[in-house]
């Protein structure tokens, strides 16, 4: 596989779309708190290109990006979350969002999830940041096992789309979320034949973990499988809890895991399962590790 093939081949892009971890490896990513997305202008700043370049790529590939979770953000929606607001001709400004100024026109803007931002990087030709992201993806691809490189892409795309849907669908039940996460993880690890439990049974057992010792052990196991430090995995979990579920553990004091309320464990475990699904981690092995 070459960099040009990633740009030109949708199947290759689908094969690599879960590797959102390369974004922060190449350049620090700042998502809008609570919403967990970036605006079109922020994506342009991340890739160091004109905003017209992002709009052009988005318009040409809207069908692909729709599966990755692009949404329309209105100024009214942001005003619900941020109090410090200034007006300028044609829109409003939030001067201190994640330490930076955020401007949005009265017509609103698109919001890009991490998956959508990664896909933009696979499509954008004239950006040094995008080129480095594709190089990182190629390195990952070369290190992957043969069976991972020969995935049934059509089936995987459907599973990924379903998983992305339940992540952003506020009406989705916990059972739907768990089943989508486990289904994706099992497909990505379909060469493993010793799974002895059904998706539902396995997920239900994992969701009974309610003590911090097991959670810490699970986070360290995920870090080892991803080749990352445990602290990086904890940060991903804290960010997901803050931006998508409004649970700000860091703000509660030292040792954020110790600040989890009993009523919040269900959400924390969902985030843990989502992380496993995104990384293609076999949940049966995780269960064995914990038990």
C-alpha atoms as a PDB file:
ATOM      1  CA  UNK A   1       0.000   0.000   0.000  1.00  0.00           C
ATOM      2  CA  UNK A   2       1.185   3.517  -0.791  1.00  0.00           C
ATOM      3  CA  UNK A   3       0.183   7.010   0.330  1.00  0.00           C
ATOM      4  CA  UNK A   4      -1.473   7.661  -3.032  1.00  0.00           C
ATOM      5  CA  UNK A   5      -3.547   4.492  -2.715  1.00  0.00           C
ATOM      6  CA  UNK A   6      -4.908   5.693   0.624  1.00  0.00           C
ATOM      7  CA  UNK A   7      -6.045   8.919  -1.048  1.00  0.00           C
ATOM      8  CA  UNK A   8      -7.618   7.162  -4.014  1.00  0.00           C
ATOM      9  CA  UNK A   9      -8.993   3.942  -2.498  1.00  0.00           C
ATOM     10  CA  UNK A  10     -12.041   4.035  -0.229  1.00  0.00           C
ATOM     11  CA  UNK A  11     -11.525   0.432   0.896  1.00  0.00           C
ATOM     12  CA  UNK A  12      -8.051   1.221   2.226  1.00  0.00           C
ATOM     13  CA  UNK A  13      -9.434   4.223   4.087  1.00  0.00           C
ATOM     14  CA  UNK A  14     -12.149   2.090   5.660  1.00  0.00           C
ATOM     15  CA  UNK A  15      -9.534  -0.411   6.729  1.00  0.00           C
ATOM     16  CA  UNK A  16      -7.625   2.258   8.646  1.00  0.00           C
ATOM     17  CA  UNK A  17     -10.416   4.513   9.930  1.00  0.00           C
ATOM     18  CA  UNK A  18     -10.259   3.208  13.515  1.00  0.00           C
ATOM     19  CA  UNK A  19      -6.645   4.305  13.986  1.00  0.00           C
ATOM     20  CA  UNK A  20      -7.638   7.669  15.454  1.00  0.00           C
ATOM     21  CA  UNK A  21      -4.686   7.374  17.833  1.00  0.00           C
ATOM     22  CA  UNK A  22      -2.344   8.599  15.060  1.00  0.00           C
ATOM     23  CA  UNK A  23      -3.955  12.061  15.154  1.00  0.00           C
ATOM     24  CA  UNK A  24      -2.467  13.015  18.516  1.00  0.00           C
ATOM     25  CA  UNK A  25       0.813  11.331  17.613  1.00  0.00           C
ATOM     26  CA  UNK A  26       1.278  13.711  14.695  1.00  0.00           C
ATOM     27  CA  UNK A  27      -0.158  16.902  16.205  1.00  0.00           C
ATOM     28  CA  UNK A  28      -2.065  17.706  19.377  1.00  0.00           C
ATOM     29  CA  UNK A  29      -5.811  17.653  18.833  1.00  0.00           C
ATOM     30  CA  UNK A  30      -8.192  20.041  20.626  1.00  0.00           C
ATOM     31  CA  UNK A  31     -11.853  19.025  20.540  1.00  0.00           C
ATOM     32  CA  UNK A  32     -14.683  21.275  21.700  1.00  0.00           C
ATOM     33  CA  UNK A  33     -15.477  20.287  25.294  1.00  0.00           C
ATOM     34  CA  UNK A  34     -18.838  18.590  25.843  1.00  0.00           C
ATOM     35  CA  UNK A  35     -19.451  18.058  22.103  1.00  0.00           C
ATOM     36  CA  UNK A  36     -16.221  16.173  21.377  1.00  0.00           C
ATOM     37  CA  UNK A  37     -15.877  17.593  17.838  1.00  0.00           C
ATOM     38  CA  UNK A  38     -13.918  20.199  15.887  1.00  0.00           C
ATOM     39  CA  UNK A  39     -15.359  22.887  13.619  1.00  0.00           C
ATOM     40  CA  UNK A  40     -14.436  23.185   9.942  1.00  0.00           C
ATOM     41  CA  UNK A  41     -12.105  26.081  10.781  1.00  0.00           C
ATOM     42  CA  UNK A  42     -10.430  24.096  13.563  1.00  0.00           C
ATOM     43  CA  UNK A  43      -9.859  21.159  11.211  1.00  0.00           C
ATOM     44  CA  UNK A  44      -8.287  23.555   8.698  1.00  0.00           C
ATOM     45  CA  UNK A  45      -6.005  24.923  11.433  1.00  0.00           C
ATOM     46  CA  UNK A  46      -5.062  21.390  12.482  1.00  0.00           C
ATOM     47  CA  UNK A  47      -4.041  20.453   8.927  1.00  0.00           C
ATOM     48  CA  UNK A  48      -2.557  23.929   8.306  1.00  0.00           C
ATOM     49  CA  UNK A  49      -4.560  24.568   5.140  1.00  0.00           C
ATOM     50  CA  UNK A  50      -7.182  27.082   4.019  1.00  0.00           C
ATOM     51  CA  UNK A  51     -10.719  26.439   5.172  1.00  0.00           C
ATOM     52  CA  UNK A  52     -11.741  26.152   1.500  1.00  0.00           C
ATOM     53  CA  UNK A  53      -9.610  23.004   1.200  1.00  0.00           C
ATOM     54  CA  UNK A  54     -11.504  21.319   4.048  1.00  0.00           C
ATOM     55  CA  UNK A  55     -14.858  22.385   2.636  1.00  0.00           C
ATOM     56  CA  UNK A  56     -13.912  21.041  -0.783  1.00  0.00           C
ATOM     57  CA  UNK A  57     -12.817  17.638   0.566  1.00  0.00           C
ATOM     58  CA  UNK A  58     -15.958  17.453   2.709  1.00  0.00           C
ATOM     59  CA  UNK A  59     -18.292  18.219  -0.186  1.00  0.00           C
ATOM     60  CA  UNK A  60     -16.632  15.624  -2.441  1.00  0.00           C
ATOM     61  CA  UNK A  61     -16.704  12.882   0.182  1.00  0.00           C
ATOM     62  CA  UNK A  62     -19.794  13.663   2.231  1.00  0.00           C
ATOM     63  CA  UNK A  63     -21.155  10.094   1.987  1.00  0.00           C
ATOM     64  CA  UNK A  64     -17.997   8.674   3.561  1.00  0.00           C
ATOM     65  CA  UNK A  65     -17.786  11.348   6.230  1.00  0.00           C
ATOM     66  CA  UNK A  66     -21.438  10.909   7.167  1.00  0.00           C
ATOM     67  CA  UNK A  67     -20.568   7.437   8.498  1.00  0.00           C
ATOM     68  CA  UNK A  68     -17.853   8.954  10.667  1.00  0.00           C
ATOM     69  CA  UNK A  69     -20.169  11.301  12.523  1.00  0.00           C
ATOM     70  CA  UNK A  70     -20.174  14.836  11.080  1.00  0.00           C
ATOM     71  CA  UNK A  71     -22.933  16.979  12.577  1.00  0.00           C
ATOM     72  CA  UNK A  72     -24.258  20.511  12.197  1.00  0.00           C
ATOM     73  CA  UNK A  73     -23.425  22.779  15.165  1.00  0.00           C
ATOM     74  CA  UNK A  74     -25.470  25.919  15.769  1.00  0.00           C
ATOM     75  CA  UNK A  75     -24.442  28.951  17.861  1.00  0.00           C
ATOM     76  CA  UNK A  76     -27.529  28.343  19.986  1.00  0.00           C
ATOM     77  CA  UNK A  77     -26.313  24.867  20.872  1.00  0.00           C
ATOM     78  CA  UNK A  78     -22.918  26.165  21.976  1.00  0.00           C
ATOM     79  CA  UNK A  79     -24.527  28.901  24.068  1.00  0.00           C
ATOM     80  CA  UNK A  80     -26.100  26.170  26.174  1.00  0.00           C
ATOM     81  CA  UNK A  81     -22.636  25.032  27.257  1.00  0.00           C
ATOM     82  CA  UNK A  82     -20.498  28.202  27.290  1.00  0.00           C
ATOM     83  CA  UNK A  83     -21.419  31.460  29.010  1.00  0.00           C
ATOM     84  CA  UNK A  84     -18.651  33.750  27.772  1.00  0.00           C
ATOM     85  CA  UNK A  85     -19.982  34.977  24.423  1.00  0.00           C
ATOM     86  CA  UNK A  86     -19.047  37.877  22.144  1.00  0.00           C
ATOM     87  CA  UNK A  87     -20.682  38.940  18.910  1.00  0.00           C
ATOM     88  CA  UNK A  88     -18.990  39.904  15.689  1.00  0.00           C
ATOM     89  CA  UNK A  89     -20.337  40.736  12.259  1.00  0.00           C
ATOM     90  CA  UNK A  90     -21.878  37.535  10.898  1.00  0.00           C
ATOM     91  CA  UNK A  91     -21.563  35.355  13.983  1.00  0.00           C
ATOM     92  CA  UNK A  92     -20.581  34.854  17.600  1.00  0.00           C
ATOM     93  CA  UNK A  93     -17.300  34.134  19.365  1.00  0.00           C
ATOM     94  CA  UNK A  94     -16.534  32.072  22.439  1.00  0.00           C
ATOM     95  CA  UNK A  95     -13.212  33.584  23.549  1.00  0.00           C
ATOM     96  CA  UNK A  96     -12.064  30.855  25.915  1.00  0.00           C
ATOM     97  CA  UNK A  97     -12.908  27.342  24.777  1.00  0.00           C
ATOM     98  CA  UNK A  98     -10.147  24.942  25.727  1.00  0.00           C
ATOM     99  CA  UNK A  99      -7.786  27.911  26.003  1.00  0.00           C
ATOM    100  CA  UNK A 100      -8.545  29.198  22.501  1.00  0.00           C
ATOM    101  CA  UNK A 101     -11.049  31.412  20.712  1.00  0.00           C
ATOM    102  CA  UNK A 102     -13.896  29.715  18.852  1.00  0.00           C
ATOM    103  CA  UNK A 103     -15.814  31.608  16.150  1.00  0.00           C
ATOM    104  CA  UNK A 104     -19.028  30.376  14.533  1.00  0.00           C
ATOM    105  CA  UNK A 105     -21.256  32.119  11.977  1.00  0.00           C
ATOM    106  CA  UNK A 106     -24.954  32.539  12.616  1.00  0.00           C
ATOM    107  CA  UNK A 107     -25.560  29.838  10.000  1.00  0.00           C
ATOM    108  CA  UNK A 108     -23.646  27.334  12.120  1.00  0.00           C
ATOM    109  CA  UNK A 109     -20.822  25.012  11.094  1.00  0.00           C
ATOM    110  CA  UNK A 110     -20.031  21.347  10.692  1.00  0.00           C
ATOM    111  CA  UNK A 111     -18.672  19.393  13.642  1.00  0.00           C
ATOM    112  CA  UNK A 112     -16.090  16.690  12.864  1.00  0.00           C
ATOM    113  CA  UNK A 113     -15.536  13.688  15.152  1.00  0.00           C
ATOM    114  CA  UNK A 114     -12.061  12.138  15.481  1.00  0.00           C
ATOM    115  CA  UNK A 115     -12.949   9.539  12.850  1.00  0.00           C
ATOM    116  CA  UNK A 116     -14.052  12.264  10.424  1.00  0.00           C
ATOM    117  CA  UNK A 117     -10.895  14.265  11.126  1.00  0.00           C
ATOM    118  CA  UNK A 118      -8.796  11.184  10.380  1.00  0.00           C
ATOM    119  CA  UNK A 119     -10.651  10.553   7.124  1.00  0.00           C
ATOM    120  CA  UNK A 120     -10.016  14.163   6.084  1.00  0.00           C
ATOM    121  CA  UNK A 121      -6.323  13.472   6.667  1.00  0.00           C
ATOM    122  CA  UNK A 122      -6.493  10.425   4.399  1.00  0.00           C
ATOM    123  CA  UNK A 123      -8.107  12.494   1.621  1.00  0.00           C
ATOM    124  CA  UNK A 124      -6.311  15.837   1.879  1.00  0.00           C
ATOM    125  CA  UNK A 125      -3.473  16.033  -0.653  1.00  0.00           C
ATOM    126  CA  UNK A 126      -1.641  19.315  -0.033  1.00  0.00           C
ATOM    127  CA  UNK A 127      -1.005  19.210   3.704  1.00  0.00           C
ATOM    128  CA  UNK A 128       2.217  18.194   5.426  1.00  0.00           C
ATOM    129  CA  UNK A 129       0.241  17.152   8.509  1.00  0.00           C
ATOM    130  CA  UNK A 130      -2.032  14.931   6.397  1.00  0.00           C
ATOM    131  CA  UNK A 131       1.002  13.380   4.695  1.00  0.00           C
ATOM    132  CA  UNK A 132       2.543  12.533   8.068  1.00  0.00           C
ATOM    133  CA  UNK A 133      -0.736  10.979   9.213  1.00  0.00           C
ATOM    134  CA  UNK A 134      -0.780   8.772   6.119  1.00  0.00           C
ATOM    135  CA  UNK A 135       2.824   7.770   6.799  1.00  0.00           C
ATOM    136  CA  UNK A 136       1.871   6.798  10.343  1.00  0.00           C
ATOM    137  CA  UNK A 137      -1.048   4.752   9.000  1.00  0.00           C
ATOM    138  CA  UNK A 138       1.222   2.988   6.524  1.00  0.00           C
ATOM    139  CA  UNK A 139       3.636   2.093   9.321  1.00  0.00           C
ATOM    140  CA  UNK A 140       0.742   0.666  11.301  1.00  0.00           C
ATOM    141  CA  UNK A 141      -0.460  -1.268   8.268  1.00  0.00           C
ATOM    142  CA  UNK A 142       2.946  -2.810   7.628  1.00  0.00           C
ATOM    143  CA  UNK A 143       3.136  -4.013  11.230  1.00  0.00           C
ATOM    144  CA  UNK A 144      -0.359  -5.523  11.185  1.00  0.00           C
ATOM    145  CA  UNK A 145      -0.921  -9.272  11.070  1.00  0.00           C
ATOM    146  CA  UNK A 146      -1.769 -10.766   7.633  1.00  0.00           C
ATOM    147  CA  UNK A 147      -5.335 -11.595   8.648  1.00  0.00           C
ATOM    148  CA  UNK A 148      -5.918  -7.988   9.675  1.00  0.00           C
ATOM    149  CA  UNK A 149      -4.823  -6.798   6.236  1.00  0.00           C
ATOM    150  CA  UNK A 150      -7.291  -9.098   4.485  1.00  0.00           C
ATOM    151  CA  UNK A 151     -10.440  -8.160   6.402  1.00  0.00           C
ATOM    152  CA  UNK A 152     -13.835  -8.418   4.809  1.00  0.00           C
ATOM    153  CA  UNK A 153     -14.121  -4.675   4.388  1.00  0.00           C
ATOM    154  CA  UNK A 154     -17.794  -4.495   3.480  1.00  0.00           C
ATOM    155  CA  UNK A 155     -18.847  -6.278   6.659  1.00  0.00           C
ATOM    156  CA  UNK A 156     -16.452  -4.263   8.784  1.00  0.00           C
ATOM    157  CA  UNK A 157     -17.780  -0.998   7.356  1.00  0.00           C
ATOM    158  CA  UNK A 158     -21.318  -1.928   8.393  1.00  0.00           C
ATOM    159  CA  UNK A 159     -20.182  -2.857  11.902  1.00  0.00           C
ATOM    160  CA  UNK A 160     -18.214   0.381  12.241  1.00  0.00           C
ATOM    161  CA  UNK A 161     -21.157   2.434  11.010  1.00  0.00           C
ATOM    162  CA  UNK A 162     -23.450   0.776  13.545  1.00  0.00           C
ATOM    163  CA  UNK A 163     -20.928   1.343  16.328  1.00  0.00           C
ATOM    164  CA  UNK A 164     -20.564   5.019  15.342  1.00  0.00           C
ATOM    165  CA  UNK A 165     -24.351   5.378  15.282  1.00  0.00           C
ATOM    166  CA  UNK A 166     -24.916   4.117  18.834  1.00  0.00           C
ATOM    167  CA  UNK A 167     -22.100   6.359  20.096  1.00  0.00           C
ATOM    168  CA  UNK A 168     -23.891   9.541  18.998  1.00  0.00           C
ATOM    169  CA  UNK A 169     -27.510   8.343  19.256  1.00  0.00           C
ATOM    170  CA  UNK A 170     -28.862   9.595  22.594  1.00  0.00           C
ATOM    171  CA  UNK A 171     -31.799   7.177  22.345  1.00  0.00           C
ATOM    172  CA  UNK A 172     -29.581   4.089  22.005  1.00  0.00           C
ATOM    173  CA  UNK A 173     -29.794   1.727  24.975  1.00  0.00           C
ATOM    174  CA  UNK A 174     -26.840   0.418  26.931  1.00  0.00           C
ATOM    175  CA  UNK A 175     -27.514  -3.045  25.511  1.00  0.00           C
ATOM    176  CA  UNK A 176     -27.353  -1.725  21.916  1.00  0.00           C
ATOM    177  CA  UNK A 177     -24.098   0.056  22.700  1.00  0.00           C
ATOM    178  CA  UNK A 178     -22.553  -3.056  24.233  1.00  0.00           C
ATOM    179  CA  UNK A 179     -23.676  -5.355  21.413  1.00  0.00           C
ATOM    180  CA  UNK A 180     -22.329  -2.991  18.740  1.00  0.00           C
ATOM    181  CA  UNK A 181     -18.997  -2.680  20.563  1.00  0.00           C
ATOM    182  CA  UNK A 182     -18.601  -6.412  21.083  1.00  0.00           C
ATOM    183  CA  UNK A 183     -19.693  -7.242  17.515  1.00  0.00           C
ATOM    184  CA  UNK A 184     -17.025  -4.932  16.103  1.00  0.00           C
ATOM    185  CA  UNK A 185     -14.360  -6.305  18.457  1.00  0.00           C
ATOM    186  CA  UNK A 186     -15.231  -9.903  17.597  1.00  0.00           C
ATOM    187  CA  UNK A 187     -15.087  -9.219  13.870  1.00  0.00           C
ATOM    188  CA  UNK A 188     -11.708  -7.544  14.165  1.00  0.00           C
ATOM    189  CA  UNK A 189     -10.503 -10.599  16.089  1.00  0.00           C
ATOM    190  CA  UNK A 190     -12.492 -13.228  14.173  1.00  0.00           C
ATOM    191  CA  UNK A 191      -9.443 -15.490  13.818  1.00  0.00           C
ATOM    192  CA  UNK A 192      -9.724 -16.197  17.560  1.00  0.00           C
ATOM    193  CA  UNK A 193     -11.789 -19.383  17.933  1.00  0.00           C
ATOM    194  CA  UNK A 194     -11.877 -19.891  21.673  1.00  0.00           C
ATOM    195  CA  UNK A 195     -14.597 -17.401  22.559  1.00  0.00           C
ATOM    196  CA  UNK A 196     -16.873 -19.492  24.805  1.00  0.00           C
ATOM    197  CA  UNK A 197     -19.576 -16.947  25.521  1.00  0.00           C
ATOM    198  CA  UNK A 198     -21.990 -14.996  23.401  1.00  0.00           C
ATOM    199  CA  UNK A 199     -21.573 -11.258  22.865  1.00  0.00           C
ATOM    200  CA  UNK A 200     -24.298 -10.426  25.317  1.00  0.00           C
ATOM    201  CA  UNK A 201     -23.055 -12.735  28.068  1.00  0.00           C
ATOM    202  CA  UNK A 202     -19.506 -11.463  27.732  1.00  0.00           C
ATOM    203  CA  UNK A 203     -20.498  -7.814  27.783  1.00  0.00           C
ATOM    204  CA  UNK A 204     -22.842  -8.366  30.735  1.00  0.00           C
ATOM    205  CA  UNK A 205     -20.023  -9.933  32.735  1.00  0.00           C
ATOM    206  CA  UNK A 206     -17.674  -7.036  31.971  1.00  0.00           C
ATOM    207  CA  UNK A 207     -20.351  -4.550  33.002  1.00  0.00           C
ATOM    208  CA  UNK A 208     -20.422  -6.127  36.472  1.00  0.00           C
ATOM    209  CA  UNK A 209     -16.911  -4.822  37.160  1.00  0.00           C
ATOM    210  CA  UNK A 210     -17.535  -2.048  39.614  1.00  0.00           C
ATOM    211  CA  UNK A 211     -14.319  -1.805  41.615  1.00  0.00           C
ATOM    212  CA  UNK A 212     -11.418   0.479  40.831  1.00  0.00           C
ATOM    213  CA  UNK A 213      -8.747  -2.195  41.035  1.00  0.00           C
ATOM    214  CA  UNK A 214     -10.264  -4.101  38.111  1.00  0.00           C
ATOM    215  CA  UNK A 215     -10.744  -0.920  36.128  1.00  0.00           C
ATOM    216  CA  UNK A 216      -7.099   0.080  36.606  1.00  0.00           C
ATOM    217  CA  UNK A 217      -5.980  -3.401  35.580  1.00  0.00           C
ATOM    218  CA  UNK A 218      -8.156  -3.236  32.445  1.00  0.00           C
ATOM    219  CA  UNK A 219      -6.763   0.198  31.494  1.00  0.00           C
ATOM    220  CA  UNK A 220      -3.186  -1.078  31.852  1.00  0.00           C
ATOM    221  CA  UNK A 221      -4.012  -4.147  29.746  1.00  0.00           C
ATOM    222  CA  UNK A 222      -5.466  -1.940  26.966  1.00  0.00           C
ATOM    223  CA  UNK A 223      -2.378   0.273  27.109  1.00  0.00           C
ATOM    224  CA  UNK A 224      -0.155  -2.763  26.662  1.00  0.00           C
ATOM    225  CA  UNK A 225      -2.145  -3.990  23.670  1.00  0.00           C
ATOM    226  CA  UNK A 226      -1.972  -0.541  22.053  1.00  0.00           C
ATOM    227  CA  UNK A 227       1.717   0.010  22.765  1.00  0.00           C
ATOM    228  CA  UNK A 228       0.936   3.083  24.862  1.00  0.00           C
ATOM    229  CA  UNK A 229       1.580   4.207  28.396  1.00  0.00           C
ATOM    230  CA  UNK A 230      -1.271   3.654  30.836  1.00  0.00           C
ATOM    231  CA  UNK A 231      -1.487   7.407  31.414  1.00  0.00           C
ATOM    232  CA  UNK A 232      -2.400   7.985  27.756  1.00  0.00           C
ATOM    233  CA  UNK A 233      -5.272   5.489  28.011  1.00  0.00           C
ATOM    234  CA  UNK A 234      -6.537   7.110  31.211  1.00  0.00           C
ATOM    235  CA  UNK A 235      -6.486  10.496  29.452  1.00  0.00           C
ATOM    236  CA  UNK A 236      -8.553   9.100  26.553  1.00  0.00           C
ATOM    237  CA  UNK A 237     -11.086   7.742  29.038  1.00  0.00           C
ATOM    238  CA  UNK A 238     -11.253  11.026  30.957  1.00  0.00           C
ATOM    239  CA  UNK A 239     -11.719  12.989  27.706  1.00  0.00           C
ATOM    240  CA  UNK A 240     -14.536  10.716  26.515  1.00  0.00           C
ATOM    241  CA  UNK A 241     -16.280  11.023  29.882  1.00  0.00           C
ATOM    242  CA  UNK A 242     -15.961  14.811  29.847  1.00  0.00           C
ATOM    243  CA  UNK A 243     -16.787  15.614  26.239  1.00  0.00           C
ATOM    244  CA  UNK A 244     -19.510  13.045  25.585  1.00  0.00           C
ATOM    245  CA  UNK A 245     -21.025  12.382  29.025  1.00  0.00           C
ATOM    246  CA  UNK A 246     -20.278  15.624  30.940  1.00  0.00           C
ATOM    247  CA  UNK A 247     -18.431  13.729  33.689  1.00  0.00           C
ATOM    248  CA  UNK A 248     -15.357  15.789  34.595  1.00  0.00           C
ATOM    249  CA  UNK A 249     -13.276  13.501  36.770  1.00  0.00           C
ATOM    250  CA  UNK A 250     -10.117  15.624  36.580  1.00  0.00           C
ATOM    251  CA  UNK A 251     -11.931  18.619  38.035  1.00  0.00           C
ATOM    252  CA  UNK A 252     -12.922  16.652  41.130  1.00  0.00           C
ATOM    253  CA  UNK A 253      -9.408  16.367  42.498  1.00  0.00           C
ATOM    254  CA  UNK A 254      -6.416  14.077  42.524  1.00  0.00           C
ATOM    255  CA  UNK A 255      -6.691  10.425  41.462  1.00  0.00           C
ATOM    256  CA  UNK A 256      -9.671  10.905  39.100  1.00  0.00           C
ATOM    257  CA  UNK A 257     -10.616   7.210  39.157  1.00  0.00           C
ATOM    258  CA  UNK A 258     -11.170   7.501  42.900  1.00  0.00           C
ATOM    259  CA  UNK A 259     -13.720  10.266  42.190  1.00  0.00           C
ATOM    260  CA  UNK A 260     -16.122   8.056  40.218  1.00  0.00           C
ATOM    261  CA  UNK A 261     -19.578   8.001  41.773  1.00  0.00           C
ATOM    262  CA  UNK A 262     -21.431   4.718  42.102  1.00  0.00           C
ATOM    263  CA  UNK A 263     -24.132   5.948  39.713  1.00  0.00           C
ATOM    264  CA  UNK A 264     -21.486   6.693  37.047  1.00  0.00           C
ATOM    265  CA  UNK A 265     -19.883   3.261  36.795  1.00  0.00           C
ATOM    266  CA  UNK A 266     -22.209   2.163  33.997  1.00  0.00           C
ATOM    267  CA  UNK A 267     -21.081   5.064  31.796  1.00  0.00           C
ATOM    268  CA  UNK A 268     -17.412   4.506  32.677  1.00  0.00           C
ATOM    269  CA  UNK A 269     -17.699   0.856  31.669  1.00  0.00           C
ATOM    270  CA  UNK A 270     -19.353   1.817  28.373  1.00  0.00           C
ATOM    271  CA  UNK A 271     -16.399   4.096  27.602  1.00  0.00           C
ATOM    272  CA  UNK A 272     -14.032   1.235  28.439  1.00  0.00           C
ATOM    273  CA  UNK A 273     -15.888  -1.089  26.066  1.00  0.00           C
ATOM    274  CA  UNK A 274     -15.892   1.580  23.349  1.00  0.00           C
ATOM    275  CA  UNK A 275     -12.135   1.924  23.709  1.00  0.00           C
ATOM    276  CA  UNK A 276     -11.762  -1.830  23.256  1.00  0.00           C
ATOM    277  CA  UNK A 277     -13.967  -1.725  20.165  1.00  0.00           C
ATOM    278  CA  UNK A 278     -11.965   1.128  18.624  1.00  0.00           C
ATOM    279  CA  UNK A 279      -8.685  -0.697  19.248  1.00  0.00           C
ATOM    280  CA  UNK A 280      -9.959  -4.117  18.125  1.00  0.00           C
ATOM    281  CA  UNK A 281      -9.167  -5.655  21.518  1.00  0.00           C
ATOM    282  CA  UNK A 282     -10.555  -9.123  22.114  1.00  0.00           C
ATOM    283  CA  UNK A 283     -12.975  -8.850  25.026  1.00  0.00           C
ATOM    284  CA  UNK A 284     -12.633 -12.531  25.921  1.00  0.00           C
ATOM    285  CA  UNK A 285      -8.938 -12.012  26.649  1.00  0.00           C
ATOM    286  CA  UNK A 286      -9.731  -8.900  28.646  1.00  0.00           C
ATOM    287  CA  UNK A 287     -12.270 -10.880  30.679  1.00  0.00           C
ATOM    288  CA  UNK A 288      -9.726 -13.626  31.392  1.00  0.00           C
ATOM    289  CA  UNK A 289      -7.212 -11.028  32.457  1.00  0.00           C
ATOM    290  CA  UNK A 290      -9.645  -9.561  34.950  1.00  0.00           C
ATOM    291  CA  UNK A 291     -10.838 -12.906  36.363  1.00  0.00           C
END
